Amino acid sequence: MKKILLALLVVVNLTGCTGGQTQVNQNPDISEDNLADEISRHIRHYPSEKIYMLGYSNDKCNIDLYVNGIKLSKAFNKALGNSGIEINPFLFQSGKCKVSFKMYPLGKSKEYDEVFNTFVDDTNLNLSLLSYDLKDENAADKEYITYTLPKKKEEVAKGYFREKFDGAGKTFFEDNFEFDIDLPYRSKPPFEDAMDLRKINKSDLESKLLKKYQEVWNVYRNKEYDNIARLEYHSLKDLYVSTYESKENVSKNIKTLFKQIYKNSSFEMQPMKKYKLAYFAGGKLAALMMDTNDNQLRGNTALWAKVNYDQGIRAIFLNRYFYIPAGETEFKVY
């Protein structure tokens, strides 16, 4: 069960009333019943099926990671981390790809007695871009690029030096790097030609976006399963196209998502409280992000729910993003 949900939560990122159905203004031909089939007909298989991974290790910092301006929904909020995340769902075609990050002081943690309100000398972050081929399981992972924080040598005793993070004493640091990717598929995300939302008055945009959030919040709260399928179609399609998934697994995973999460009697949307407007993908996407220092919530959108599955109450982050297609005036959901 955990393995099936893992891929879905890249997009979802782990009892209301039954009023009239919301008029969702996208993907009208999609329903819960045909969602898997409609996704599967876009999936192709190739002699080489490359999966790109972003590896990371960090110490004494929290980080937000982005690929081509889209936030990775996984939370990287531990004092010490060493892992990786597949990034194909955020890669739409061959060519240049940009990885960027925002880094914050650790604050309080279970791992350290000290509270880190600023970066310290030995704050550390390493990133690496790797790939493996689903069609060549015996091949070693290929490494393309590594990134380390900028550091300077400091003499602490005669002839003895140590490295010190350039940003020590600060409360924020960001950087980025680019690399070339080679993919067998070409996907066109629905927001590719969307308008730049940064050009809209921020107050007007936030007001308009909040109204759309309430509409989407009600769709999930009222368990409008066909509308949930319409809202999630594009992001789920990009996930499965980019990971070369089999038709059987697409069907099984989507059935699991609806049965274990959305149709679970304990599924309950949580109130939207404190949030802040944020832009993604060069301003083509916007979201209301949770404004909190709680590492269990930070870095997710204000749409979330709680549900009892896998032997406990879990937070389910419905990380939907919003865009306005060129020539239109109303938000659509990614």
Protein backbone atom coordinates (compact mmCIF):
# COMPACT_ATOMS: atom_id res chain seq x y z
CA MET A 1 0.00 0.00 0.00
CA LYS A 2 2.74 2.49 0.88
CA LYS A 3 4.48 1.92 -2.47
CA ILE A 4 1.29 2.51 -4.45
CA LEU A 5 0.51 5.73 -2.61
CA LEU A 6 4.07 7.06 -2.86
CA ALA A 7 3.88 7.99 -6.54
CA LEU A 8 0.40 9.42 -6.16
CA LEU A 9 1.48 11.67 -3.33
CA VAL A 10 3.95 13.40 -5.68
CA VAL A 11 0.81 14.94 -7.14
CA VAL A 12 -1.58 14.76 -4.16
CA ASN A 13 1.24 14.83 -1.60
CA LEU A 14 0.10 12.87 1.37
CA THR A 15 -17.64 14.42 5.77
CA GLY A 16 -19.14 17.01 4.01
CA CYS A 17 -22.57 17.77 2.69
CA THR A 18 -23.78 16.51 -0.68
CA GLY A 19 -25.12 19.65 -2.35
CA GLY A 20 -25.30 20.28 -6.11
CA GLN A 21 -22.30 19.44 -8.27
CA THR A 22 -19.80 22.25 -8.88
CA GLN A 23 -19.43 23.39 -12.48
CA VAL A 24 -15.73 22.69 -13.09
CA ASN A 25 -14.54 24.61 -16.17
CA GLN A 26 -12.02 22.07 -17.46
CA ASN A 27 -11.75 18.51 -18.78
CA PRO A 28 -15.54 18.03 -19.17
CA ASP A 29 -15.13 14.56 -20.72
CA ILE A 30 -13.15 13.21 -17.75
CA SER A 31 -14.85 11.24 -14.98
CA GLU A 32 -13.77 8.99 -12.15
CA ASP A 33 -14.70 5.96 -14.27
CA ASN A 34 -12.64 6.90 -17.34
CA LEU A 35 -9.76 8.78 -15.69
CA ALA A 36 -7.31 5.86 -15.83
CA ASP A 37 -8.16 4.97 -19.43
CA GLU A 38 -7.88 8.59 -20.60
CA ILE A 39 -4.45 8.88 -18.98
CA SER A 40 -3.24 5.51 -20.27
CA ARG A 41 -3.89 6.32 -23.92
CA HIS A 42 -1.22 9.04 -23.72
CA ILE A 43 1.49 6.77 -22.31
CA ARG A 44 4.17 5.46 -24.67
CA HIS A 45 7.07 3.06 -24.15
CA TYR A 46 10.58 3.44 -25.56
CA PRO A 47 13.82 1.46 -25.98
CA SER A 48 15.30 3.67 -23.25
CA GLU A 49 13.15 5.00 -20.41
CA LYS A 50 15.25 7.38 -18.40
CA ILE A 51 14.24 8.52 -14.92
CA TYR A 52 15.98 11.60 -13.53
CA MET A 53 16.55 11.96 -9.81
CA LEU A 54 17.59 14.90 -7.66
CA GLY A 55 19.69 13.66 -4.76
CA TYR A 56 20.25 15.79 -1.70
CA SER A 57 21.94 15.87 1.67
CA ASN A 58 21.58 18.71 4.14
CA ASP A 59 22.51 19.69 7.68
CA LYS A 60 21.21 22.49 9.93
CA CYS A 61 18.85 23.98 7.34
CA ASN A 62 15.42 23.63 5.76
CA ILE A 63 15.06 23.80 2.00
CA ASP A 64 12.45 24.26 -0.70
CA LEU A 65 13.43 22.69 -4.01
CA TYR A 66 12.13 23.65 -7.45
CA VAL A 67 12.49 22.16 -10.93
CA ASN A 68 11.81 24.62 -13.74
CA GLY A 69 10.13 26.86 -11.20
CA ILE A 70 7.72 24.16 -9.97
CA LYS A 71 8.00 23.30 -6.31
CA LEU A 72 8.79 19.71 -5.42
CA SER A 73 5.97 18.72 -3.11
CA LYS A 74 8.10 16.53 -0.89
CA ALA A 75 9.00 18.20 2.41
CA PHE A 76 12.74 18.63 3.00
CA ASN A 77 12.39 19.79 6.58
CA LYS A 78 14.68 17.64 8.67
CA ALA A 79 17.82 18.72 10.46
CA LEU A 80 19.75 15.97 8.71
CA GLY A 81 18.65 14.60 5.36
CA ASN A 82 20.10 12.29 2.74
CA SER A 83 17.79 11.05 0.03
CA GLY A 84 16.48 11.75 -3.45
CA ILE A 85 13.31 12.38 -5.41
CA GLU A 86 12.33 11.49 -8.96
CA ILE A 87 11.72 14.66 -10.97
CA ASN A 88 10.40 13.36 -14.30
CA PRO A 89 6.85 14.63 -13.55
CA PHE A 90 8.32 18.17 -13.72
CA LEU A 91 10.29 17.55 -16.94
CA PHE A 92 8.25 18.04 -20.10
CA GLN A 93 10.80 17.88 -22.92
CA SER A 94 14.49 17.50 -23.71
CA GLY A 95 16.77 20.51 -23.32
CA LYS A 96 17.74 22.86 -20.53
CA CYS A 97 16.41 22.24 -17.05
CA LYS A 98 16.82 24.50 -14.05
CA VAL A 99 17.04 23.38 -10.43
CA SER A 100 16.68 26.09 -7.81
CA PHE A 101 16.30 26.17 -4.06
CA LYS A 102 15.44 28.43 -1.16
CA MET A 103 17.15 27.69 2.12
CA TYR A 104 16.17 28.72 5.65
CA PRO A 105 17.74 28.31 9.12
CA LEU A 106 16.78 25.12 10.91
CA GLY A 107 15.22 26.70 14.00
CA LYS A 108 14.20 24.10 16.60
CA SER A 109 14.77 20.43 15.92
CA LYS A 110 14.77 17.03 17.60
CA GLU A 111 18.29 16.38 16.41
CA TYR A 112 20.01 19.37 18.05
CA ASP A 113 19.66 21.07 21.44
CA GLU A 114 20.67 24.39 19.92
CA VAL A 115 18.09 26.58 18.17
CA PHE A 116 19.44 27.80 14.83
CA ASN A 117 17.84 31.16 14.02
CA THR A 118 20.53 31.95 11.44
CA PHE A 119 22.81 29.84 9.28
CA VAL A 120 25.92 28.63 11.07
CA ASP A 121 29.43 27.98 9.76
CA ASP A 122 28.81 24.29 9.12
CA THR A 123 25.37 24.63 7.52
CA ASN A 124 25.52 22.29 4.57
CA LEU A 125 23.60 21.37 1.41
CA ASN A 126 24.67 19.11 -1.45
CA LEU A 127 22.58 18.42 -4.55
CA SER A 128 23.23 15.96 -7.35
CA LEU A 129 21.46 15.16 -10.60
CA LEU A 130 21.39 11.47 -11.55
CA SER A 131 19.46 9.16 -13.83
CA TYR A 132 18.73 5.49 -14.27
CA ASP A 133 17.12 3.57 -17.13
CA LEU A 134 14.02 1.45 -16.51
CA LYS A 135 14.97 -0.63 -19.57
CA ASP A 136 18.49 -1.36 -18.29
CA GLU A 137 18.22 -2.39 -14.66
CA ASN A 138 21.80 -3.65 -14.53
CA ALA A 139 23.34 -0.32 -15.54
CA ALA A 140 24.79 1.93 -12.87
CA ASP A 141 23.15 5.27 -12.15
CA LYS A 142 24.55 8.08 -14.24
CA GLU A 143 25.62 11.27 -12.44
CA TYR A 144 25.54 14.57 -14.37
CA ILE A 145 26.17 17.43 -11.99
CA THR A 146 26.79 18.10 -8.31
CA TYR A 147 26.22 21.29 -6.37
CA THR A 148 27.61 22.36 -3.02
CA LEU A 149 27.05 25.56 -1.05
CA PRO A 150 29.61 28.32 -1.60
CA LYS A 151 32.21 28.16 1.14
CA LYS A 152 35.44 29.87 2.04
CA LYS A 153 38.46 28.60 3.89
CA GLU A 154 39.13 30.11 7.29
CA GLU A 155 42.38 29.66 9.17
CA VAL A 156 41.56 28.67 12.75
CA ALA A 157 45.16 27.90 13.72
CA LYS A 158 48.46 28.23 11.97
CA GLY A 159 48.40 25.90 9.00
CA TYR A 160 44.96 24.56 9.94
CA PHE A 161 41.94 25.59 7.87
CA ARG A 162 38.26 24.81 7.93
CA GLU A 163 35.50 25.56 5.43
CA LYS A 164 32.81 28.04 6.39
CA PHE A 165 29.49 28.60 4.62
CA ASP A 166 29.46 32.01 2.94
CA GLY A 167 25.94 32.65 4.20
CA ALA A 168 26.70 32.08 7.90
CA GLY A 169 24.79 34.60 10.03
CA LYS A 170 22.07 35.13 7.41
CA THR A 171 18.44 34.01 7.51
CA PHE A 172 17.90 33.21 3.82
CA PHE A 173 19.89 31.87 0.90
CA GLU A 174 18.93 30.84 -2.63
CA ASP A 175 20.76 29.62 -5.69
CA ASN A 176 20.25 27.57 -8.86
CA PHE A 177 22.02 25.57 -11.54
CA GLU A 178 21.12 24.30 -15.01
CA PHE A 179 21.74 21.06 -16.85
CA ASP A 180 20.71 19.34 -20.08
CA ILE A 181 18.21 16.49 -20.10
CA ASP A 182 17.39 13.95 -22.79
CA LEU A 183 13.85 12.55 -22.78
CA PRO A 184 12.06 10.23 -25.21
CA TYR A 185 8.70 11.95 -24.65
CA ARG A 186 7.40 15.48 -25.19
CA SER A 187 4.55 16.70 -22.99
CA LYS A 188 2.84 20.05 -23.21
CA PRO A 189 1.63 21.08 -19.76
CA PRO A 190 -1.69 22.95 -19.87
CA PHE A 191 -0.07 26.05 -18.38
CA GLU A 192 2.70 26.26 -21.00
CA ASP A 193 1.06 29.21 -22.78
CA ALA A 194 -0.66 30.66 -19.71
CA MET A 195 -0.50 34.34 -18.85
CA ASP A 196 2.07 35.73 -16.44
CA LEU A 197 0.05 36.11 -13.23
CA ARG A 198 2.68 38.43 -11.76
CA LYS A 199 1.35 41.14 -14.09
CA ILE A 200 -2.03 41.13 -12.35
CA ASN A 201 -2.51 43.38 -9.34
CA LYS A 202 -1.50 41.20 -6.39
CA SER A 203 -4.50 42.08 -4.23
CA ASP A 204 -6.94 41.45 -7.09
CA LEU A 205 -5.23 38.18 -7.96
CA GLU A 206 -5.32 36.93 -4.38
CA SER A 207 -9.01 37.78 -4.05
CA LYS A 208 -9.84 36.01 -7.31
CA LEU A 209 -7.67 33.04 -6.38
CA LEU A 210 -9.26 32.69 -2.95
CA LYS A 211 -12.67 32.42 -4.61
CA LYS A 212 -11.37 29.62 -6.84
CA TYR A 213 -9.83 27.89 -3.83
CA GLN A 214 -13.21 27.86 -2.11
CA GLU A 215 -14.74 26.24 -5.18
CA VAL A 216 -12.06 23.55 -5.28
CA TRP A 217 -12.22 23.09 -1.49
CA ASN A 218 -15.95 22.35 -1.83
CA VAL A 219 -15.33 19.82 -4.60
CA TYR A 220 -13.15 17.76 -2.27
CA ARG A 221 -15.31 18.36 0.80
CA ASN A 222 -18.49 17.31 -0.98
CA LYS A 223 -16.75 14.27 -2.49
CA GLU A 224 -17.58 15.15 -6.06
CA TYR A 225 -15.53 12.31 -7.52
CA ASP A 226 -15.99 13.16 -11.21
CA ASN A 227 -14.95 16.75 -10.53
CA ILE A 228 -11.94 15.59 -8.51
CA ALA A 229 -10.94 13.51 -11.54
CA ARG A 230 -11.28 16.59 -13.79
CA LEU A 231 -9.15 18.71 -11.45
CA GLU A 232 -6.39 16.12 -11.18
CA TYR A 233 -6.36 14.80 -14.74
CA HIS A 234 -3.49 16.91 -16.11
CA SER A 235 -1.12 16.49 -13.18
CA LEU A 236 -1.76 12.74 -12.97
CA LYS A 237 -1.30 12.39 -16.74
CA ASP A 238 2.06 14.18 -16.58
CA LEU A 239 3.09 11.92 -13.70
CA TYR A 240 2.33 8.67 -15.50
CA VAL A 241 3.47 9.72 -18.98
CA SER A 242 6.82 10.82 -17.55
CA THR A 243 7.32 7.59 -15.58
CA TYR A 244 6.28 5.28 -18.45
CA GLU A 245 3.72 3.58 -16.22
CA SER A 246 1.81 0.48 -17.34
CA LYS A 247 -1.93 0.66 -17.96
CA GLU A 248 -2.47 -1.89 -15.21
CA ASN A 249 -0.60 0.17 -12.61
CA VAL A 250 -2.31 3.40 -13.62
CA SER A 251 -5.69 1.77 -13.10
CA LYS A 252 -4.66 0.14 -9.81
CA ASN A 253 -3.09 3.31 -8.39
CA ILE A 254 -6.03 5.55 -9.25
CA LYS A 255 -8.51 3.09 -7.79
CA THR A 256 -6.39 3.02 -4.63
CA LEU A 257 -6.28 6.82 -4.49
CA PHE A 258 -10.05 7.16 -4.64
CA LYS A 259 -10.85 4.20 -2.39
CA GLN A 260 -8.24 4.77 0.31
CA ILE A 261 -8.29 8.58 0.34
CA TYR A 262 -11.23 10.35 -1.28
CA LYS A 263 -13.88 7.70 -0.49
CA ASN A 264 -12.53 7.06 2.98
CA SER A 265 -15.27 8.01 5.47
CA SER A 266 -12.68 9.79 7.63
CA PHE A 267 -11.55 12.12 4.80
CA GLU A 268 -12.10 15.67 6.06
CA MET A 269 -11.00 18.94 4.50
CA GLN A 270 -9.21 21.31 6.88
CA PRO A 271 -9.96 25.03 7.20
CA MET A 272 -7.89 27.46 5.15
CA LYS A 273 -6.34 29.71 7.77
CA LYS A 274 -3.03 31.52 7.38
CA TYR A 275 -1.63 31.58 3.85
CA LYS A 276 0.41 33.67 1.43
CA LEU A 277 0.37 34.07 -2.34
CA ALA A 278 3.24 32.47 -4.26
CA TYR A 279 4.14 32.21 -7.95
CA PHE A 280 5.63 29.25 -9.78
CA ALA A 281 6.84 28.28 -13.26
CA GLY A 282 7.90 31.81 -14.14
CA GLY A 283 4.60 33.31 -12.96
CA LYS A 284 2.39 30.97 -14.99
CA LEU A 285 1.19 29.16 -11.86
CA ALA A 286 0.03 30.59 -8.55
CA ALA A 287 -1.00 29.09 -5.23
CA LEU A 288 -1.91 30.09 -1.70
CA MET A 289 0.80 28.49 0.42
CA MET A 290 0.54 27.72 4.12
CA ASP A 291 2.21 30.50 6.10
CA THR A 292 3.62 28.50 8.98
CA ASN A 293 6.88 27.44 10.61
CA ASP A 294 5.45 23.99 11.40
CA ASN A 295 7.72 21.64 9.46
CA GLN A 296 4.91 19.11 9.10
CA LEU A 297 2.86 21.65 7.16
CA ARG A 298 5.33 24.15 5.70
CA GLY A 299 5.88 24.13 1.97
CA ASN A 300 2.38 22.96 1.03
CA THR A 301 -0.63 24.77 -0.36
CA ALA A 302 -3.55 25.79 1.82
CA LEU A 303 -5.67 22.93 0.43
CA TRP A 304 -5.29 19.95 2.70
CA ALA A 305 -7.24 17.26 4.48
CA LYS A 306 -6.91 14.65 7.19
CA VAL A 307 -7.72 10.99 6.69
CA ASN A 308 -7.30 7.77 8.65
CA TYR A 309 -5.32 5.28 6.56
CA ASP A 310 -2.24 3.11 6.94
CA GLN A 311 -2.94 2.75 10.68
CA GLY A 312 -3.08 6.42 11.59
CA ILE A 313 -4.47 9.89 10.94
CA ARG A 314 -2.54 11.38 8.02
CA ALA A 315 -2.31 14.86 6.54
CA ILE A 316 -3.09 14.80 2.81
CA PHE A 317 -1.80 17.86 0.97
CA LEU A 318 -3.87 18.60 -2.12
CA ASN A 319 -1.19 20.64 -3.83
CA ARG A 320 -3.20 22.05 -6.71
CA TYR A 321 -1.79 25.00 -8.65
CA PHE A 322 -3.74 27.56 -10.66
CA TYR A 323 -3.27 29.21 -14.06
CA ILE A 324 -5.20 31.35 -16.54
CA PRO A 325 -4.85 30.27 -20.18
CA ALA A 326 -3.84 32.98 -22.63
CA GLY A 327 -6.89 34.82 -23.91
CA GLU A 328 -9.08 33.68 -21.01
CA THR A 329 -10.06 35.25 -17.69
CA GLU A 330 -10.85 32.34 -15.37
CA PHE A 331 -8.53 30.08 -13.39
CA LYS A 332 -7.98 26.47 -14.28
CA VAL A 333 -6.37 23.91 -11.99
CA TYR A 334 -3.18 21.88 -12.38
